[in-house]
N, C-alpha and C. Protein backbone atom coordinates (compact mmCIF):
# COMPACT_ATOMS: atom_id res chain seq x y z
N MET A 1 0.99 -1.11 -0.02
CA MET A 1 0.04 -0.10 0.01
C MET A 1 1.06 1.23 -0.03
N ALA A 2 0.71 2.09 -0.97
CA ALA A 2 1.40 3.36 -1.03
C ALA A 2 0.82 4.52 -0.39
N SER A 3 1.54 5.20 0.23
CA SER A 3 1.11 6.36 0.97
C SER A 3 2.16 7.76 0.53
N GLY A 4 1.43 8.77 0.45
CA GLY A 4 2.06 9.92 0.03
C GLY A 4 1.08 11.13 -0.15
N VAL A 5 1.49 12.09 -0.48
CA VAL A 5 0.78 13.17 -0.51
C VAL A 5 0.00 13.34 -2.11
N PRO A 6 -1.16 13.48 -1.93
CA PRO A 6 -1.83 13.68 -3.24
C PRO A 6 -1.36 14.82 -3.94
N ASP A 7 -1.17 14.66 -5.53
CA ASP A 7 -0.69 15.75 -6.32
C ASP A 7 -1.64 16.74 -6.21
N ASP A 8 -2.98 16.55 -6.16
CA ASP A 8 -3.96 17.63 -6.50
C ASP A 8 -4.67 18.16 -5.07
N PHE A 9 -4.09 18.09 -4.03
CA PHE A 9 -4.64 18.36 -2.64
C PHE A 9 -4.31 19.89 -2.25
N SER A 10 -5.31 20.50 -1.89
CA SER A 10 -5.10 21.92 -1.42
C SER A 10 -6.32 22.22 -0.45
N LEU A 11 -5.82 23.14 0.41
CA LEU A 11 -6.90 23.51 1.38
C LEU A 11 -7.46 24.84 1.16
N SER A 12 -8.93 25.05 1.55
CA SER A 12 -9.25 26.28 1.45
C SER A 12 -9.53 27.16 2.50
N THR A 13 -9.25 28.33 2.69
CA THR A 13 -9.82 29.30 3.53
C THR A 13 -11.14 29.72 4.01
N ASN A 14 -11.93 29.35 2.85
CA ASN A 14 -13.28 29.51 2.48
C ASN A 14 -14.24 28.50 3.20
N PRO A 15 -14.96 28.70 4.30
CA PRO A 15 -15.53 27.65 4.87
C PRO A 15 -17.29 27.52 4.05
N PHE A 16 -17.27 28.64 3.28
CA PHE A 16 -18.58 28.57 2.76
C PHE A 16 -19.10 27.82 1.51
N GLY A 17 -18.04 27.05 0.84
CA GLY A 17 -18.41 26.50 -0.50
C GLY A 17 -18.36 27.24 -1.51
N ASN A 18 -19.19 27.43 -2.39
CA ASN A 18 -19.15 28.23 -3.88
C ASN A 18 -19.16 29.52 -3.33
N SER A 19 -18.23 30.43 -4.18
CA SER A 19 -18.10 31.79 -3.90
C SER A 19 -17.97 32.41 -5.14
N THR A 20 -18.25 33.66 -5.33
CA THR A 20 -18.10 34.29 -6.73
C THR A 20 -17.55 35.71 -6.10
N GLU A 21 -16.82 36.52 -7.13
CA GLU A 21 -16.48 37.80 -6.69
C GLU A 21 -17.01 38.84 -7.79
N ILE A 22 -17.63 39.86 -7.35
CA ILE A 22 -18.32 41.02 -8.05
C ILE A 22 -17.30 42.09 -7.76
N VAL A 23 -17.26 43.20 -8.74
CA VAL A 23 -16.50 44.34 -8.83
C VAL A 23 -17.45 45.53 -9.10
N ILE A 24 -17.59 46.38 -8.08
CA ILE A 24 -18.65 47.48 -8.19
C ILE A 24 -17.68 49.03 -8.45
N PRO A 25 -17.92 49.64 -9.27
CA PRO A 25 -17.30 50.80 -9.44
C PRO A 25 -17.63 51.99 -8.41
N ILE A 26 -16.73 52.64 -7.70
CA ILE A 26 -16.95 53.46 -6.69
C ILE A 26 -17.50 54.81 -7.23
N LYS A 27 -18.79 55.07 -7.12
CA LYS A 27 -19.49 56.25 -7.46
C LYS A 27 -20.38 56.64 -6.37
N GLY A 28 -20.66 58.19 -6.55
CA GLY A 28 -21.50 58.50 -5.15
C GLY A 28 -20.93 58.37 -3.90
N LEU A 29 -21.64 58.57 -2.77
CA LEU A 29 -21.18 58.59 -1.51
C LEU A 29 -21.85 57.75 -0.57
N HIS A 30 -22.70 56.60 -1.17
CA HIS A 30 -23.38 55.73 -0.24
C HIS A 30 -22.13 54.82 0.37
N PRO A 31 -22.52 54.71 1.63
CA PRO A 31 -21.44 54.03 2.49
C PRO A 31 -21.03 52.35 2.02
N THR A 32 -22.04 51.77 1.44
CA THR A 32 -22.01 50.50 0.95
C THR A 32 -22.22 50.26 -0.32
N LEU A 33 -21.88 51.26 -1.17
CA LEU A 33 -21.99 51.48 -2.72
C LEU A 33 -23.48 50.94 -3.36
N CYS A 34 -24.55 51.32 -2.33
CA CYS A 34 -25.74 51.23 -2.70
C CYS A 34 -26.39 49.78 -2.68
N LEU A 35 -25.59 48.93 -1.78
CA LEU A 35 -25.93 47.55 -1.78
C LEU A 35 -26.76 47.51 -0.41
N SER A 36 -27.89 46.90 -0.10
CA SER A 36 -28.69 46.73 0.89
C SER A 36 -28.42 45.70 1.51
N LEU A 37 -27.68 45.64 2.88
CA LEU A 37 -27.01 44.55 3.65
C LEU A 37 -27.69 44.40 4.90
N SER A 38 -27.77 43.21 5.33
CA SER A 38 -28.20 43.06 6.75
C SER A 38 -27.77 41.82 7.39
N PRO A 39 -27.53 41.58 8.66
CA PRO A 39 -26.97 40.42 9.45
C PRO A 39 -28.08 39.32 9.12
N HIS A 40 -27.44 38.19 9.04
CA HIS A 40 -28.34 36.89 9.13
C HIS A 40 -29.04 36.78 10.38
N PRO A 41 -30.12 36.46 10.66
CA PRO A 41 -30.80 36.27 12.09
C PRO A 41 -29.91 35.29 12.86
N ASP A 42 -29.69 34.22 12.23
CA ASP A 42 -29.00 32.96 12.64
C ASP A 42 -27.41 33.10 12.96
N THR A 43 -26.85 33.58 11.85
CA THR A 43 -25.41 33.63 12.10
C THR A 43 -24.74 34.87 12.16
N ASP A 44 -25.46 35.89 12.17
CA ASP A 44 -25.05 37.28 12.02
C ASP A 44 -23.59 37.60 10.98
N ARG A 45 -23.79 36.94 10.15
CA ARG A 45 -22.97 37.02 8.81
C ARG A 45 -23.74 37.91 7.97
N ILE A 46 -23.11 38.93 7.05
CA ILE A 46 -23.66 39.90 6.38
C ILE A 46 -24.31 39.39 5.16
N ILE A 47 -25.78 39.60 4.81
CA ILE A 47 -26.29 39.07 3.79
C ILE A 47 -26.70 40.24 2.69
N LEU A 48 -26.27 39.97 1.41
CA LEU A 48 -26.83 40.88 0.39
C LEU A 48 -28.30 40.69 0.14
N LYS A 49 -29.17 41.63 0.37
CA LYS A 49 -30.53 41.70 0.37
C LYS A 49 -30.84 42.12 -1.13
N GLU A 50 -30.59 43.26 -1.46
CA GLU A 50 -30.86 43.79 -2.68
C GLU A 50 -29.99 45.05 -3.17
N TYR A 51 -30.28 45.88 -4.19
CA TYR A 51 -29.43 46.94 -4.41
C TYR A 51 -30.53 48.31 -4.67
N LEU A 52 -30.02 49.07 -4.65
CA LEU A 52 -30.60 50.46 -5.04
C LEU A 52 -30.74 50.66 -6.60
N PRO A 53 -31.83 50.76 -7.35
CA PRO A 53 -32.12 50.74 -8.74
C PRO A 53 -31.15 52.07 -9.43
N SER A 54 -30.96 51.83 -10.57
CA SER A 54 -30.39 53.07 -11.26
C SER A 54 -28.91 53.36 -10.63
N THR A 55 -28.19 52.50 -10.01
CA THR A 55 -26.73 52.71 -9.26
C THR A 55 -25.76 51.78 -10.11
N PRO A 56 -24.45 51.90 -9.88
CA PRO A 56 -23.54 50.98 -10.26
C PRO A 56 -23.93 49.50 -9.78
N ALA A 57 -24.31 49.33 -8.69
CA ALA A 57 -24.63 48.13 -8.05
C ALA A 57 -25.81 47.44 -8.77
N GLY A 58 -26.86 48.29 -9.27
CA GLY A 58 -27.77 47.89 -9.99
C GLY A 58 -27.63 47.29 -11.38
N ARG A 59 -26.12 47.37 -11.66
CA ARG A 59 -25.88 46.83 -13.01
C ARG A 59 -24.94 45.29 -12.78
N ILE A 60 -25.18 44.76 -11.65
CA ILE A 60 -24.27 43.50 -11.28
C ILE A 60 -25.20 42.36 -12.05
N PRO A 61 -24.17 41.84 -12.87
CA PRO A 61 -24.90 40.63 -13.44
C PRO A 61 -25.10 39.44 -12.63
N ARG A 62 -26.24 38.47 -13.01
CA ARG A 62 -26.60 37.39 -12.25
C ARG A 62 -27.19 37.86 -11.00
N TRP A 63 -27.64 39.07 -10.82
CA TRP A 63 -28.31 39.56 -9.28
C TRP A 63 -29.32 38.62 -9.09
N ARG A 64 -30.68 38.65 -9.56
CA ARG A 64 -31.42 37.40 -8.99
C ARG A 64 -31.30 36.24 -8.89
N SER A 65 -30.75 35.65 -10.10
CA SER A 65 -30.53 34.25 -9.86
C SER A 65 -29.35 33.79 -9.21
N THR A 66 -28.47 34.61 -8.87
CA THR A 66 -27.14 33.90 -8.23
C THR A 66 -26.83 34.66 -6.99
N LEU A 67 -26.88 36.22 -7.02
CA LEU A 67 -26.38 36.85 -5.85
C LEU A 67 -27.42 37.05 -4.73
N ARG A 68 -28.54 37.18 -4.87
CA ARG A 68 -29.52 37.51 -3.85
C ARG A 68 -29.35 36.87 -2.86
N GLU A 69 -29.38 37.18 -1.33
CA GLU A 69 -29.21 36.32 -0.33
C GLU A 69 -27.91 35.68 -0.06
N SER A 70 -26.88 36.03 -0.91
CA SER A 70 -25.49 35.68 -0.68
C SER A 70 -24.80 36.43 0.62
N THR A 71 -23.79 35.63 1.04
CA THR A 71 -23.37 35.90 2.20
C THR A 71 -21.95 36.72 2.00
N ILE A 72 -21.78 37.93 2.14
CA ILE A 72 -20.49 38.77 2.12
C ILE A 72 -19.34 38.06 3.06
N ILE A 73 -18.28 37.84 2.15
CA ILE A 73 -17.33 36.96 3.14
C ILE A 73 -15.83 37.88 3.10
N ALA A 74 -15.88 38.72 2.05
CA ALA A 74 -14.52 39.64 2.08
C ALA A 74 -14.82 40.81 1.15
N VAL A 75 -14.20 41.94 1.36
CA VAL A 75 -14.13 42.95 0.58
C VAL A 75 -12.80 43.37 0.32
N LYS A 76 -12.38 43.46 -1.13
CA LYS A 76 -10.98 43.70 -1.30
C LYS A 76 -9.98 42.71 -0.69
N ASP A 77 -10.27 41.28 -0.72
CA ASP A 77 -9.76 40.21 -0.13
C ASP A 77 -9.55 40.41 1.18
N ILE A 78 -10.38 41.30 1.99
CA ILE A 78 -10.34 41.36 3.45
C ILE A 78 -11.45 40.87 4.27
N HIS A 79 -11.03 39.76 4.89
CA HIS A 79 -12.20 39.18 5.77
C HIS A 79 -13.03 40.12 6.29
N ILE A 80 -14.43 40.00 6.34
CA ILE A 80 -15.50 40.89 6.83
C ILE A 80 -16.46 40.28 7.74
N ASP A 81 -16.87 40.85 8.69
CA ASP A 81 -17.73 40.13 9.70
C ASP A 81 -18.94 41.28 10.11
N THR A 82 -18.95 42.42 9.98
CA THR A 82 -19.60 43.45 10.37
C THR A 82 -20.18 44.34 9.22
N LEU A 83 -21.26 45.11 9.21
CA LEU A 83 -21.74 46.14 8.55
C LEU A 83 -20.57 47.29 8.53
N ASP A 84 -20.05 47.54 9.71
CA ASP A 84 -19.05 48.81 9.80
C ASP A 84 -17.82 48.54 9.16
N GLU A 85 -17.39 47.03 9.13
CA GLU A 85 -16.23 46.93 8.32
C GLU A 85 -16.31 46.76 7.09
N ILE A 86 -17.45 46.62 6.52
CA ILE A 86 -17.77 46.71 5.14
C ILE A 86 -17.85 48.31 4.63
N SER A 87 -18.37 49.26 5.56
CA SER A 87 -18.55 50.85 5.26
C SER A 87 -16.90 51.34 5.21
N SER A 88 -16.15 50.62 6.38
CA SER A 88 -14.71 51.08 6.25
C SER A 88 -13.86 50.75 5.25
N ALA A 89 -13.97 49.55 4.85
CA ALA A 89 -13.47 49.07 3.65
C ALA A 89 -13.77 49.92 2.14
N VAL A 90 -15.09 50.43 1.97
CA VAL A 90 -15.38 51.13 1.10
C VAL A 90 -14.72 52.58 1.15
N ALA A 91 -14.75 53.03 2.36
CA ALA A 91 -14.28 54.26 2.65
C ALA A 91 -12.77 54.47 2.45
N ALA A 92 -11.97 53.20 2.63
CA ALA A 92 -10.53 53.47 2.44
C ALA A 92 -10.24 53.32 1.10
N ALA A 93 -11.13 52.57 0.47
CA ALA A 93 -10.88 52.16 -1.29
C ALA A 93 -11.20 53.89 -1.70
N ARG A 94 -12.13 54.73 -1.21
CA ARG A 94 -12.57 55.95 -1.78
C ARG A 94 -11.05 56.81 -1.30
N LEU A 95 -10.68 56.65 -0.43
CA LEU A 95 -9.40 57.36 -0.01
C LEU A 95 -8.26 57.13 -0.72
N ARG A 96 -8.11 55.89 -1.34
CA ARG A 96 -7.01 55.58 -2.04
C ARG A 96 -7.29 55.78 -3.50
N GLN A 97 -8.47 56.16 -3.75
CA GLN A 97 -8.95 56.77 -4.87
C GLN A 97 -9.11 55.43 -5.98
N ASP A 98 -9.50 54.38 -5.47
CA ASP A 98 -9.62 53.17 -6.15
C ASP A 98 -10.78 53.33 -7.10
N ALA A 99 -10.81 52.87 -8.26
CA ALA A 99 -11.87 52.97 -9.08
C ALA A 99 -13.19 52.09 -8.94
N SER A 100 -12.77 51.03 -8.32
CA SER A 100 -13.78 50.02 -7.91
C SER A 100 -13.56 49.25 -6.81
N VAL A 101 -14.40 48.67 -6.17
CA VAL A 101 -14.32 47.62 -5.03
C VAL A 101 -14.66 46.26 -5.41
N SER A 102 -13.78 45.13 -4.93
CA SER A 102 -14.50 43.63 -5.29
C SER A 102 -14.77 43.36 -3.83
N PHE A 103 -16.04 42.37 -4.12
CA PHE A 103 -16.57 41.65 -2.76
C PHE A 103 -16.80 40.36 -3.25
N THR A 104 -16.29 39.68 -2.23
CA THR A 104 -16.45 38.17 -2.51
C THR A 104 -17.62 37.51 -1.59
N LEU A 105 -18.40 36.74 -2.47
CA LEU A 105 -19.76 36.44 -1.77
C LEU A 105 -19.83 34.98 -1.95
N ALA A 106 -20.22 34.25 -0.75
CA ALA A 106 -20.79 32.82 -0.75
C ALA A 106 -22.12 32.81 -1.47
N THR A 107 -22.42 32.01 -2.48
CA THR A 107 -23.59 31.98 -2.97
C THR A 107 -24.32 30.97 -2.12
N PRO A 108 -25.65 31.09 -2.22
CA PRO A 108 -26.69 30.38 -1.39
C PRO A 108 -26.95 28.89 -2.20
């Protein structure tokens, strides 16, 4: 019996399973780039509920079919736990004069 390290073995830091990344242009002054967010009642993780129409967030592809009720796990590759952390990450991107912000979401 042979034992050894498998060639295709890797560990993930994402405990949520499937995830996707969206990029939203920084426009306007809304602290969460016009995303409607709320804490999940059981886990307190931040859930993407909806977006304000006629905004850059409103142009996100696959919104209803894929992203609604997704859990936000990172903003600009920084782990996120609270609404304040999301607002702070967006504010920091504005100060750096970034053109956009990336969100990593665990899809339902």
